[in-house]
Amino acid sequence: MSEPRDVRIKRMKMRSMRRGIKEMDIILSAYADSNLADMDAVGLDVYDALLHENDQDLYQWVTGQVPPPAQYANLISDIAQTFQN
């Protein structure tokens, strides 16, 4: 049985807020609140997969210390731009 869109977005927002390190809680929860409702199914799939990555890796990707894997490059760029404005 597939998860309804609204339930899926709510779950991903909660997962974005409850990471392992506070910096990623702040970054991902703000991004999720601003963007998830407007994402299409493919975008939600990529974001959902990203939520399963290690926080230390995510932080290095978002801050530009390490290049992200190709499947996350556009999403990480979007997340990083959100916090550079």
N, C-alpha and C. Protein backbone atom coordinates (compact mmCIF):
# COMPACT_ATOMS: atom_id res chain seq x y z
N MET A 1 0.84 -1.18 0.00
CA MET A 1 0.00 0.00 0.00
C MET A 1 0.88 1.24 0.00
N SER A 2 0.58 2.17 -0.88
CA SER A 2 1.43 3.35 -0.99
C SER A 2 1.01 4.41 0.03
N GLU A 3 1.98 5.15 0.46
CA GLU A 3 1.79 6.18 1.47
C GLU A 3 1.13 7.41 0.83
N PRO A 4 0.05 7.94 1.39
CA PRO A 4 -0.54 9.17 0.83
C PRO A 4 0.46 10.32 0.85
N ARG A 5 0.37 11.20 -0.15
CA ARG A 5 1.31 12.31 -0.30
C ARG A 5 1.43 13.15 0.97
N ASP A 6 0.31 13.53 1.57
CA ASP A 6 0.37 14.38 2.76
C ASP A 6 1.04 13.68 3.93
N VAL A 7 0.82 12.39 4.08
CA VAL A 7 1.47 11.62 5.14
C VAL A 7 2.97 11.51 4.87
N ARG A 8 3.31 11.29 3.61
CA ARG A 8 4.72 11.19 3.23
C ARG A 8 5.46 12.50 3.52
N ILE A 9 4.87 13.61 3.16
CA ILE A 9 5.50 14.91 3.40
C ILE A 9 5.65 15.16 4.89
N LYS A 10 4.63 14.84 5.65
CA LYS A 10 4.70 15.02 7.11
C LYS A 10 5.83 14.18 7.70
N ARG A 11 5.93 12.92 7.25
CA ARG A 11 7.00 12.03 7.73
C ARG A 11 8.37 12.60 7.39
N MET A 12 8.53 13.08 6.16
CA MET A 12 9.83 13.61 5.74
C MET A 12 10.16 14.90 6.49
N LYS A 13 9.17 15.72 6.80
CA LYS A 13 9.44 16.93 7.60
C LYS A 13 9.91 16.55 9.00
N MET A 14 9.29 15.54 9.59
CA MET A 14 9.72 15.09 10.92
C MET A 14 11.14 14.53 10.85
N ARG A 15 11.43 13.76 9.83
CA ARG A 15 12.78 13.19 9.68
C ARG A 15 13.81 14.28 9.42
N SER A 16 13.39 15.35 8.76
CA SER A 16 14.30 16.47 8.50
C SER A 16 14.64 17.21 9.79
N MET A 17 13.70 17.24 10.73
CA MET A 17 13.90 17.95 12.01
C MET A 17 14.70 17.14 13.01
N ARG A 18 14.66 15.83 12.86
CA ARG A 18 15.29 14.97 13.87
C ARG A 18 16.44 14.19 13.25
N ARG A 19 17.49 14.90 12.99
CA ARG A 19 18.69 14.32 12.40
C ARG A 19 19.61 13.85 13.52
N GLY A 20 20.89 13.88 13.28
CA GLY A 20 21.84 13.50 14.32
C GLY A 20 22.59 14.71 14.84
N ILE A 21 22.77 15.70 13.97
CA ILE A 21 23.49 16.90 14.40
C ILE A 21 22.58 18.12 14.19
N LYS A 22 22.68 19.06 15.11
CA LYS A 22 21.79 20.21 15.14
C LYS A 22 21.82 21.03 13.85
N GLU A 23 22.99 21.19 13.25
CA GLU A 23 23.10 21.96 12.01
C GLU A 23 22.22 21.38 10.91
N MET A 24 22.21 20.06 10.80
CA MET A 24 21.38 19.43 9.77
C MET A 24 19.90 19.51 10.12
N ASP A 25 19.58 19.47 11.42
CA ASP A 25 18.18 19.68 11.84
C ASP A 25 17.68 21.02 11.32
N ILE A 26 18.48 22.05 11.53
CA ILE A 26 18.10 23.41 11.15
C ILE A 26 18.01 23.54 9.63
N ILE A 27 19.04 23.09 8.95
CA ILE A 27 19.10 23.23 7.49
C ILE A 27 17.98 22.45 6.81
N LEU A 28 17.85 21.17 7.14
CA LEU A 28 16.87 20.34 6.44
C LEU A 28 15.43 20.65 6.84
N SER A 29 15.19 21.00 8.10
CA SER A 29 13.81 21.31 8.48
C SER A 29 13.34 22.59 7.79
N ALA A 30 14.20 23.59 7.70
CA ALA A 30 13.82 24.82 7.00
C ALA A 30 13.60 24.56 5.51
N TYR A 31 14.47 23.76 4.92
CA TYR A 31 14.32 23.43 3.50
C TYR A 31 13.03 22.64 3.27
N ALA A 32 12.78 21.65 4.10
CA ALA A 32 11.58 20.83 3.96
C ALA A 32 10.31 21.67 4.08
N ASP A 33 10.28 22.55 5.08
CA ASP A 33 9.10 23.40 5.27
C ASP A 33 8.83 24.28 4.05
N SER A 34 9.89 24.75 3.42
CA SER A 34 9.75 25.67 2.29
C SER A 34 9.49 24.98 0.96
N ASN A 35 9.91 23.72 0.81
CA ASN A 35 9.95 23.11 -0.52
C ASN A 35 9.17 21.82 -0.76
N LEU A 36 8.98 21.01 0.26
CA LEU A 36 8.41 19.68 0.01
C LEU A 36 7.02 19.72 -0.61
N ALA A 37 6.18 20.64 -0.17
CA ALA A 37 4.81 20.69 -0.68
C ALA A 37 4.76 20.94 -2.19
N ASP A 38 5.77 21.62 -2.73
CA ASP A 38 5.80 21.94 -4.15
C ASP A 38 6.55 20.92 -5.01
N MET A 39 7.16 19.93 -4.38
CA MET A 39 7.94 18.94 -5.13
C MET A 39 7.03 17.93 -5.81
N ASP A 40 7.48 17.44 -6.97
CA ASP A 40 6.77 16.35 -7.63
C ASP A 40 7.22 15.02 -7.01
N ALA A 41 6.63 13.92 -7.45
CA ALA A 41 6.92 12.61 -6.87
C ALA A 41 8.39 12.24 -6.99
N VAL A 42 9.01 12.56 -8.13
CA VAL A 42 10.43 12.24 -8.32
C VAL A 42 11.29 13.04 -7.33
N GLY A 43 10.99 14.32 -7.18
CA GLY A 43 11.72 15.15 -6.23
C GLY A 43 11.59 14.63 -4.81
N LEU A 44 10.37 14.21 -4.45
CA LEU A 44 10.16 13.64 -3.12
C LEU A 44 10.94 12.34 -2.94
N ASP A 45 11.02 11.54 -4.00
CA ASP A 45 11.81 10.29 -3.94
C ASP A 45 13.28 10.58 -3.66
N VAL A 46 13.83 11.58 -4.34
CA VAL A 46 15.24 11.93 -4.15
C VAL A 46 15.47 12.47 -2.74
N TYR A 47 14.57 13.34 -2.29
CA TYR A 47 14.71 13.90 -0.94
C TYR A 47 14.59 12.79 0.11
N ASP A 48 13.64 11.89 -0.09
CA ASP A 48 13.46 10.78 0.84
C ASP A 48 14.73 9.93 0.92
N ALA A 49 15.34 9.65 -0.22
CA ALA A 49 16.59 8.89 -0.24
C ALA A 49 17.70 9.66 0.48
N LEU A 50 17.74 10.97 0.27
CA LEU A 50 18.76 11.81 0.91
C LEU A 50 18.65 11.72 2.44
N LEU A 51 17.44 11.61 2.94
CA LEU A 51 17.23 11.54 4.39
C LEU A 51 17.85 10.29 5.01
N HIS A 52 18.18 9.30 4.20
CA HIS A 52 18.80 8.09 4.71
C HIS A 52 20.33 8.18 4.74
N GLU A 53 20.87 9.28 4.27
CA GLU A 53 22.33 9.46 4.26
C GLU A 53 22.81 9.92 5.64
N ASN A 54 24.09 9.71 5.88
CA ASN A 54 24.74 10.09 7.13
C ASN A 54 24.81 11.61 7.26
N ASP A 55 24.51 12.12 8.45
CA ASP A 55 24.53 13.57 8.68
C ASP A 55 25.88 14.22 8.41
N GLN A 56 26.95 13.54 8.78
CA GLN A 56 28.28 14.12 8.54
C GLN A 56 28.52 14.30 7.04
N ASP A 57 28.11 13.32 6.25
CA ASP A 57 28.24 13.43 4.79
C ASP A 57 27.36 14.56 4.26
N LEU A 58 26.10 14.59 4.72
CA LEU A 58 25.18 15.65 4.28
C LEU A 58 25.74 17.04 4.57
N TYR A 59 26.26 17.22 5.76
CA TYR A 59 26.80 18.52 6.14
C TYR A 59 27.97 18.92 5.24
N GLN A 60 28.84 17.98 4.96
CA GLN A 60 29.98 18.28 4.08
C GLN A 60 29.51 18.59 2.66
N TRP A 61 28.48 17.91 2.18
CA TRP A 61 27.96 18.18 0.84
C TRP A 61 27.31 19.57 0.78
N VAL A 62 26.47 19.87 1.78
CA VAL A 62 25.74 21.15 1.78
C VAL A 62 26.69 22.33 1.93
N THR A 63 27.74 22.16 2.71
CA THR A 63 28.69 23.25 2.93
C THR A 63 29.77 23.32 1.86
N GLY A 64 29.76 22.39 0.91
CA GLY A 64 30.71 22.42 -0.19
C GLY A 64 32.08 21.88 0.14
N GLN A 65 32.22 21.22 1.28
CA GLN A 65 33.52 20.65 1.66
C GLN A 65 33.86 19.43 0.81
N VAL A 66 32.82 18.70 0.42
CA VAL A 66 32.98 17.48 -0.37
C VAL A 66 31.88 17.49 -1.43
N PRO A 67 32.19 17.14 -2.68
CA PRO A 67 31.13 17.10 -3.70
C PRO A 67 30.13 15.97 -3.40
N PRO A 68 28.84 16.24 -3.60
CA PRO A 68 27.84 15.21 -3.34
C PRO A 68 27.82 14.15 -4.44
N PRO A 69 27.27 12.99 -4.16
CA PRO A 69 27.07 12.00 -5.22
C PRO A 69 26.17 12.59 -6.31
N ALA A 70 26.35 12.12 -7.52
CA ALA A 70 25.63 12.68 -8.68
C ALA A 70 24.11 12.69 -8.49
N GLN A 71 23.56 11.63 -7.89
CA GLN A 71 22.10 11.56 -7.76
C GLN A 71 21.54 12.63 -6.84
N TYR A 72 22.40 13.25 -6.01
CA TYR A 72 21.95 14.30 -5.10
C TYR A 72 22.45 15.69 -5.47
N ALA A 73 23.24 15.81 -6.52
CA ALA A 73 23.91 17.07 -6.83
C ALA A 73 22.94 18.25 -6.95
N ASN A 74 21.86 18.10 -7.71
CA ASN A 74 20.92 19.21 -7.90
C ASN A 74 20.20 19.56 -6.60
N LEU A 75 19.79 18.55 -5.87
CA LEU A 75 19.09 18.78 -4.60
C LEU A 75 20.01 19.46 -3.59
N ILE A 76 21.23 18.97 -3.47
CA ILE A 76 22.19 19.57 -2.53
C ILE A 76 22.47 21.02 -2.92
N SER A 77 22.59 21.29 -4.20
CA SER A 77 22.80 22.66 -4.67
C SER A 77 21.63 23.54 -4.26
N ASP A 78 20.43 23.05 -4.43
CA ASP A 78 19.22 23.79 -4.05
C ASP A 78 19.18 24.05 -2.54
N ILE A 79 19.50 23.03 -1.76
CA ILE A 79 19.52 23.18 -0.31
C ILE A 79 20.58 24.21 0.10
N ALA A 80 21.76 24.10 -0.49
CA ALA A 80 22.86 25.01 -0.15
C ALA A 80 22.51 26.46 -0.53
N GLN A 81 21.89 26.66 -1.68
CA GLN A 81 21.52 28.01 -2.11
C GLN A 81 20.49 28.63 -1.17
N THR A 82 19.64 27.82 -0.62
CA THR A 82 18.63 28.31 0.31
C THR A 82 19.27 29.02 1.49
N PHE A 83 20.44 28.56 1.91
CA PHE A 83 21.08 29.12 3.09
C PHE A 83 22.22 30.08 2.79
N GLN A 84 22.47 30.32 1.52
CA GLN A 84 23.49 31.30 1.15
C GLN A 84 22.86 32.63 0.80
N ASN A 85 21.54 32.68 0.73
CA ASN A 85 20.84 33.94 0.40
C ASN A 85 20.62 34.79 1.62
